[in-house]
Amino acid sequence: MTTFTTARAAGPRARFALLALGTLAGIMAAGVAGAADTTADVPSMVVKYDAASLASDSGVNDLYRRIIAAARKVCPTASIRDLSAQRQVDECRNQAVSRAIRQIDNSQLAALYASHSKNG
């Protein structure tokens, strides 16, 4: 069973990265790109991790892979024939991963993300 939570519902003891659907949820719900604050009540997924695991390259790589997988689960899929919808899905996933990386605030994880972002 997948656990979804909002940023406000997560407890302070938990070590996690929240993946929010910000832009895509706002666009789909409002039907316009200029939707108001879309991060308040959008679905998200908790990715738990131990801060000590981020001391090793393998721990950083594992967390990065789990963040990518969570973004794929949280963001809807689109037909590859609908290029506009596929771009929205890609943007949703990119924003979800970016948000999680910022929230974790780990320089090794940020460097890995930057490296993958440049290379596609």
Protein backbone atom coordinates (compact mmCIF):
# COMPACT_ATOMS: atom_id res chain seq x y z
CA MET A 1 0.00 0.00 0.00
CA THR A 2 1.35 3.42 -0.98
CA THR A 3 1.35 6.09 1.69
CA PHE A 4 0.33 9.56 0.66
CA THR A 5 0.54 12.54 2.97
CA THR A 6 0.62 16.30 2.77
CA ALA A 7 3.55 18.41 3.85
CA ARG A 8 1.64 19.68 6.87
CA ALA A 9 0.63 16.21 8.06
CA ALA A 10 4.14 14.76 8.41
CA GLY A 11 5.52 14.51 11.93
CA PRO A 12 8.73 16.22 13.03
CA ARG A 13 10.47 12.92 13.94
CA ALA A 14 10.14 11.50 10.47
CA ARG A 15 13.07 11.79 8.11
CA PHE A 16 11.60 12.04 4.69
CA ALA A 17 11.36 13.76 1.38
CA LEU A 18 7.94 14.94 0.29
CA LEU A 19 7.14 14.81 -3.37
CA ALA A 20 4.43 17.25 -4.36
CA LEU A 21 2.53 17.50 -7.60
CA GLY A 22 2.49 21.31 -7.53
CA THR A 23 2.34 22.45 -11.11
CA LEU A 24 0.59 19.53 -12.77
CA ALA A 25 -2.07 19.27 -10.09
CA GLY A 26 -2.75 22.98 -10.34
CA ILE A 27 -2.93 22.93 -14.11
CA MET A 28 -5.20 19.91 -14.24
CA ALA A 29 -7.48 21.11 -11.43
CA ALA A 30 -7.80 24.70 -12.57
CA GLY A 31 -7.28 24.13 -16.25
CA VAL A 32 -4.83 27.01 -16.48
CA ALA A 33 -1.09 27.35 -16.07
CA GLY A 34 -1.42 30.32 -13.73
CA ALA A 35 -3.20 28.49 -10.92
CA ALA A 36 -2.79 29.93 -7.42
CA ASP A 37 -0.76 28.26 -4.65
CA THR A 38 -0.84 24.66 -5.81
CA THR A 39 1.39 23.15 -3.14
CA ALA A 40 -1.03 23.53 -0.21
CA ASP A 41 -3.23 20.44 -0.64
CA VAL A 42 -1.65 18.41 -3.42
CA PRO A 43 -0.96 14.70 -2.99
CA SER A 44 2.56 13.71 -2.12
CA MET A 45 4.47 10.58 -1.24
CA VAL A 46 6.76 10.05 1.71
CA VAL A 47 10.18 8.63 0.96
CA LYS A 48 11.79 7.69 4.26
CA TYR A 49 15.53 7.65 4.68
CA ASP A 50 18.16 7.64 7.38
CA ALA A 51 20.38 10.71 7.36
CA ALA A 52 23.39 8.52 8.22
CA SER A 53 22.94 6.63 4.94
CA LEU A 54 23.70 9.84 3.05
CA ALA A 55 27.31 9.64 4.23
CA SER A 56 28.07 7.03 1.55
CA ASP A 57 27.82 7.20 -2.23
CA SER A 58 25.72 4.04 -2.29
CA GLY A 59 23.28 5.54 0.24
CA VAL A 60 22.96 8.73 -1.81
CA ASN A 61 22.45 6.74 -5.03
CA ASP A 62 19.83 4.53 -3.36
CA LEU A 63 17.86 7.51 -2.08
CA TYR A 64 18.05 9.22 -5.46
CA ARG A 65 16.67 6.10 -7.19
CA ARG A 66 13.84 5.88 -4.63
CA ILE A 67 12.97 9.57 -5.14
CA ILE A 68 12.82 9.03 -8.92
CA ALA A 69 10.61 5.94 -8.44
CA ALA A 70 8.29 7.85 -6.09
CA ALA A 71 7.97 10.70 -8.60
CA ARG A 72 6.93 8.17 -11.24
CA LYS A 73 4.27 6.77 -8.91
CA VAL A 74 2.90 10.12 -7.78
CA CYS A 75 2.80 11.87 -11.14
CA PRO A 76 0.19 10.54 -13.56
CA THR A 77 1.15 8.85 -16.79
CA ALA A 78 0.22 10.00 -20.25
CA SER A 79 0.08 8.42 -23.64
CA ILE A 80 3.31 8.89 -25.56
CA ARG A 81 1.12 9.99 -28.45
CA ASP A 82 -0.06 13.05 -26.49
CA LEU A 83 3.09 15.16 -26.46
CA SER A 84 1.53 17.99 -24.48
CA ALA A 85 0.36 15.67 -21.72
CA GLN A 86 3.71 13.88 -21.73
CA ARG A 87 5.50 17.22 -21.24
CA GLN A 88 3.23 17.92 -18.26
CA VAL A 89 4.04 14.53 -16.76
CA ASP A 90 7.76 15.12 -17.29
CA GLU A 91 7.49 18.55 -15.68
CA CYS A 92 5.55 17.09 -12.73
CA ARG A 93 8.24 14.48 -12.17
CA ASN A 94 11.06 16.99 -12.53
CA GLN A 95 9.44 19.34 -10.02
CA ALA A 96 8.69 16.53 -7.59
CA VAL A 97 12.31 15.34 -7.65
CA SER A 98 13.65 18.88 -7.42
CA ARG A 99 11.44 19.64 -4.41
CA ALA A 100 12.54 16.48 -2.62
CA ILE A 101 16.22 17.22 -3.26
CA ARG A 102 15.81 20.77 -1.89
CA GLN A 103 13.98 19.50 1.21
CA ILE A 104 16.65 16.93 2.00
CA ASP A 105 19.38 19.57 1.62
CA ASN A 106 22.33 17.22 1.12
CA SER A 107 25.20 18.44 -1.06
CA GLN A 108 26.05 14.95 -2.43
CA LEU A 109 22.42 14.30 -3.36
CA ALA A 110 22.15 17.75 -4.95
CA ALA A 111 25.32 17.11 -6.97
CA LEU A 112 23.98 13.75 -8.17
CA TYR A 113 20.70 15.39 -9.17
CA ALA A 114 22.54 18.18 -11.00
CA SER A 115 24.65 15.64 -12.84
CA HIS A 116 21.60 13.65 -13.95
CA SER A 117 19.69 16.81 -14.87
CA LYS A 118 22.43 17.90 -17.24
CA ASN A 119 22.72 14.48 -18.85
CA GLY A 120 18.98 13.89 -19.16
